[in-house]
Protein backbone atom coordinates (compact mmCIF):
# COMPACT_ATOMS: atom_id res chain seq x y z
CA GLN A 1 -36.26 13.55 4.36
CA ALA A 2 -36.24 11.66 7.88
CA LEU A 3 -32.31 11.36 7.79
CA ASP A 4 -32.20 15.36 6.54
CA LYS A 5 -34.50 15.97 9.75
CA THR A 6 -32.62 13.92 12.13
CA ILE A 7 -28.97 14.39 10.90
CA PHE A 8 -28.58 16.75 8.14
CA GLU A 9 -30.43 19.85 9.05
CA PRO A 10 -29.44 19.68 12.63
CA VAL A 11 -25.78 19.41 11.58
CA ALA A 12 -26.12 22.07 9.35
CA LYS A 13 -27.71 24.44 11.43
CA GLY A 14 -24.62 23.67 13.92
CA TYR A 15 -22.23 24.74 10.76
CA ARG A 16 -24.05 27.79 10.74
CA TYR A 17 -22.28 28.96 14.10
CA ILE A 18 -19.06 28.49 12.96
CA PRO A 19 -17.76 31.60 12.14
CA SER A 20 -18.82 33.23 8.41
CA PRO A 21 -14.72 33.33 7.34
CA ILE A 22 -14.49 29.66 8.23
CA ARG A 23 -17.15 28.74 6.62
CA GLY A 24 -16.28 31.04 3.64
CA GLY A 25 -13.32 29.42 3.11
CA THR A 26 -14.29 25.87 3.72
CA SER A 27 -16.85 26.75 0.69
CA ASN A 28 -13.85 27.90 -1.38
CA ALA A 29 -11.49 25.28 -0.67
CA LEU A 30 -14.12 22.48 -1.79
CA THR A 31 -14.98 24.31 -4.87
CA ASN A 32 -11.48 24.20 -5.56
CA LEU A 33 -11.04 20.71 -5.02
CA SER A 34 -13.99 20.35 -7.39
CA ASN A 35 -11.77 21.55 -10.25
CA LEU A 36 -9.87 17.99 -10.49
CA ILE A 37 -13.33 16.91 -11.96
CA THR A 38 -14.40 19.89 -13.74
CA VAL A 39 -11.18 20.50 -15.73
CA PRO A 40 -11.28 17.10 -17.67
CA ASN A 41 -15.04 17.59 -18.50
CA ASN A 42 -14.58 20.99 -19.68
CA LEU A 43 -12.19 19.67 -21.97
CA LEU A 44 -14.01 16.45 -23.16
CA GLN A 45 -16.74 19.42 -23.51
CA GLY A 46 -14.68 20.98 -26.39
CA ASP A 47 -14.40 24.15 -23.93
CA ILE A 48 -10.94 24.57 -23.81
CA LYS A 49 -11.16 28.32 -22.82
CA THR A 50 -13.21 27.61 -19.69
CA ALA A 51 -10.77 24.74 -19.23
CA GLY A 52 -8.00 26.60 -18.77
CA ILE A 53 -9.46 29.31 -16.89
CA ASN A 54 -9.97 26.31 -14.47
CA THR A 55 -6.81 25.13 -14.63
CA VAL A 56 -5.20 28.53 -13.62
CA ARG A 57 -7.69 29.16 -10.83
CA PHE A 58 -6.87 25.47 -9.02
CA VAL A 59 -3.16 26.19 -9.59
CA VAL A 60 -3.19 29.60 -8.12
CA ASN A 61 -5.82 28.86 -5.23
CA THR A 62 -4.09 25.72 -4.21
CA THR A 63 -0.71 27.58 -3.64
CA VAL A 64 -1.11 31.17 -3.15
CA GLY A 65 -4.71 30.49 -1.85
CA ILE A 66 -3.77 28.08 0.67
CA LEU A 67 -5.36 25.10 -0.56
CA GLY A 68 -7.97 26.74 -1.89
CA PHE A 69 -9.28 28.52 0.92
CA PHE A 70 -8.77 31.88 -0.32
CA ASP A 71 -9.90 32.88 -3.91
CA PRO A 72 -6.86 35.03 -5.48
CA ALA A 73 -7.69 34.16 -9.31
CA GLU A 74 -10.84 35.73 -8.88
CA LYS A 75 -8.66 39.16 -8.29
CA MET A 76 -6.31 38.38 -10.91
CA GLY A 77 -9.25 38.30 -13.34
CA PHE A 78 -9.92 34.08 -13.88
CA PRO A 79 -13.60 33.80 -12.24
CA ASN A 80 -15.31 31.26 -11.28
CA LYS A 81 -17.16 29.38 -14.43
CA GLY A 82 -19.09 26.72 -12.38
CA LYS A 83 -18.66 23.12 -11.91
CA GLU A 84 -18.98 20.42 -14.39
CA ASP A 85 -19.63 16.79 -14.05
CA TYR A 86 -19.64 13.58 -16.30
CA GLY A 87 -23.26 13.83 -16.04
CA GLN A 88 -23.21 17.25 -17.77
CA THR A 89 -21.05 16.07 -20.05
CA LEU A 90 -22.96 13.14 -21.36
CA GLY A 91 -25.91 15.62 -21.81
CA VAL A 92 -23.77 17.96 -23.72
CA TRP A 93 -23.01 14.87 -25.97
CA GLY A 94 -26.28 14.69 -26.69
CA ALA A 95 -27.45 11.47 -24.04
CA GLY A 96 -30.98 11.65 -22.98
CA SER A 97 -31.55 12.20 -19.51
CA GLY A 98 -33.30 8.68 -18.83
CA CYS A 99 -36.11 8.46 -16.05
CA TYR A 100 -36.26 10.58 -12.76
CA PHE A 101 -35.62 9.03 -9.54
CA VAL A 102 -34.46 9.02 -5.95
CA LEU A 103 -31.72 7.38 -4.76
CA PRO A 104 -31.36 6.86 -0.62
CA ILE A 105 -29.21 9.91 0.93
CA LEU A 106 -27.97 10.75 -2.06
CA GLY A 107 -31.50 12.45 -3.47
CA PRO A 108 -32.72 12.88 -7.02
CA THR A 109 -30.83 11.87 -10.22
CA THR A 110 -31.61 10.51 -13.63
CA VAL A 111 -30.14 7.67 -15.18
CA ARG A 112 -27.87 9.63 -17.34
CA ASP A 113 -26.70 11.68 -13.84
CA PHE A 114 -26.32 8.57 -12.28
CA THR A 115 -24.12 7.15 -14.66
CA GLY A 116 -22.17 10.23 -14.57
CA THR A 117 -22.24 9.99 -10.94
CA VAL A 118 -20.49 6.70 -10.98
CA ALA A 119 -17.80 8.07 -13.32
CA ASN A 120 -17.30 10.94 -10.86
CA LEU A 121 -16.00 9.06 -8.45
CA TRP A 122 -13.72 6.60 -10.55
CA GLY A 123 -12.88 9.84 -12.55
CA ASP A 124 -11.62 12.11 -10.02
CA PRO A 125 -7.74 12.26 -8.77
CA TRP A 126 -8.89 13.48 -5.54
CA TYR A 127 -10.93 9.86 -4.65
CA ASN A 128 -8.03 7.79 -6.33
CA MET A 129 -5.28 9.74 -3.94
CA THR A 130 -6.92 8.87 -1.12
CA THR A 131 -7.93 5.21 -1.88
CA ALA A 132 -4.47 4.36 -3.65
CA SER A 133 -2.72 1.54 -2.54
CA ASP A 134 0.49 2.52 -4.40
CA PRO A 135 2.56 4.37 -2.26
CA MET A 136 4.12 5.93 -5.11
CA ILE A 137 1.10 7.64 -6.20
CA ALA A 138 -0.30 9.12 -2.59
CA ASP A 139 2.91 8.82 -0.93
CA GLY A 140 1.03 8.03 2.40
CA MET A 141 -0.22 11.55 2.64
CA PHE A 142 -3.69 10.60 2.25
CA GLU A 143 -6.25 8.32 3.69
CA ASP A 144 -9.49 7.01 2.74
CA SER A 145 -11.47 8.89 5.14
CA ASP A 146 -10.26 11.74 4.00
CA TYR A 147 -11.94 11.67 0.43
CA TRP A 148 -15.32 10.95 2.54
CA ILE A 149 -15.05 13.85 5.07
CA SER A 150 -14.69 16.12 2.26
CA ARG A 151 -17.82 15.08 0.60
CA GLY A 152 -19.35 15.00 3.55
CA THR A 153 -17.92 18.46 4.48
CA SER A 154 -19.35 19.46 0.90
CA SER A 155 -22.78 18.40 1.77
CA VAL A 156 -23.37 19.82 4.98
CA ASP A 157 -22.06 23.31 3.55
CA PHE A 158 -24.84 23.07 0.59
CA ARG A 159 -27.64 22.17 3.11
CA ALA A 160 -26.26 25.08 5.71
CA LYS A 161 -26.82 27.76 2.31
CA ASN A 162 -30.01 26.23 1.39
CA ILE A 163 -31.90 25.93 4.97
CA GLU A 164 -34.41 28.39 4.25
CA SER A 165 -34.98 27.44 0.45
CA PHE A 166 -35.55 24.37 1.35
CA ASP A 167 -37.94 24.79 4.17
CA SER A 168 -40.10 27.10 1.96
CA LEU A 169 -39.80 24.48 -0.78
CA GLU A 170 -41.42 21.74 1.55
CA LYS A 171 -43.69 24.27 3.18
CA ASN A 172 -45.32 25.83 0.13
CA SER A 173 -45.53 23.19 -2.53
CA ILE A 174 -48.42 21.23 -2.75
CA ASP A 175 -46.70 18.13 -4.52
CA LEU A 176 -43.19 18.16 -2.95
CA TYR A 177 -42.06 15.42 -5.08
CA ALA A 178 -43.17 16.98 -8.35
CA SER A 179 -41.90 20.17 -7.37
CA ILE A 180 -38.10 18.90 -6.27
CA LYS A 181 -37.91 17.00 -9.82
CA SER A 182 -38.94 20.11 -11.79
CA LEU A 183 -36.47 21.89 -9.98
CA TYR A 184 -34.08 19.28 -10.30
CA LEU A 185 -34.37 18.75 -14.05
CA GLN A 186 -34.55 22.49 -14.94
CA ASN A 187 -30.86 22.86 -12.95
CA ARG A 188 -29.55 20.23 -14.59
CA ASN A 189 -30.67 21.47 -18.29
CA LYS A 190 -29.54 24.93 -17.60
CA LYS A 191 -26.28 23.78 -16.42
CA ILE A 192 -25.71 21.32 -19.78
CA SER A 193 -26.53 24.35 -21.92
CA ASN A 194 -24.86 26.75 -19.66
CA SER A 195 -27.64 28.76 -19.67
CA ASP A 196 -28.97 31.27 -17.27
CA THR A 197 -32.59 31.15 -18.72
CA ILE A 198 -35.42 29.12 -17.92
CA VAL A 199 -34.88 25.54 -19.81
CA GLU A 200 -38.30 23.47 -20.17
CA THR A 201 -38.14 20.13 -18.21
CA GLN A 202 -39.45 16.64 -19.28
CA ASP A 203 -42.62 17.26 -18.02
CA GLU A 204 -44.61 20.70 -18.52
CA SER A 205 -47.14 19.20 -15.97
CA ASP A 206 -45.02 19.37 -13.16
CA TRP A 207 -45.36 23.32 -13.35
CA GLU A 208 -48.89 23.04 -12.81
CA GLU A 209 -48.29 22.06 -9.08
CA ILE A 210 -45.94 24.87 -8.58
CA ASP A 211 -48.00 27.61 -10.62
CA THR A 212 -50.72 27.17 -7.92
CA ASN A 213 -48.33 28.00 -4.77
């Protein structure tokens, strides 16, 4: 929270001064890049149809959409189906979430999602391309910093989109930790089940704090 107040939130507010079309294009490009993780997880979850849609989206948006800055695939009938990661795949395979905890800087996670985060890193083609020591793989086009710049930009983009939401949560929650825990677990359960309905969290008592607000 201290880092957020001193660094992330001010940077996110400054990011909002960038013209909307540029911010929108940046967000599109980052979403397009995330397909490198999403498509393998679609396949691992047995969702072949969505894997095909996301593959077409990546190819079309990377080429016609100028590295994903634009989203022509949406207009061609290939909608964004959402991101998938290895933590979600472990959940689909039946792995329990394990205990909930908060990582420094990175924020909320569970044992399952943290395991997925490690797999996301090593199984990410973008990460491997930027850190590859073999010139035949990266062809000298990328550097290590390219990966971390993209991840940092993604975090700033997310924070900028949710400034009001975070402020409201912090202001109105009697127990901020319990509120974030409940929202995080519910969100992850919804993503694993690909559901738009409310899914019970591990601990229903968390909602007692929220319901009183």
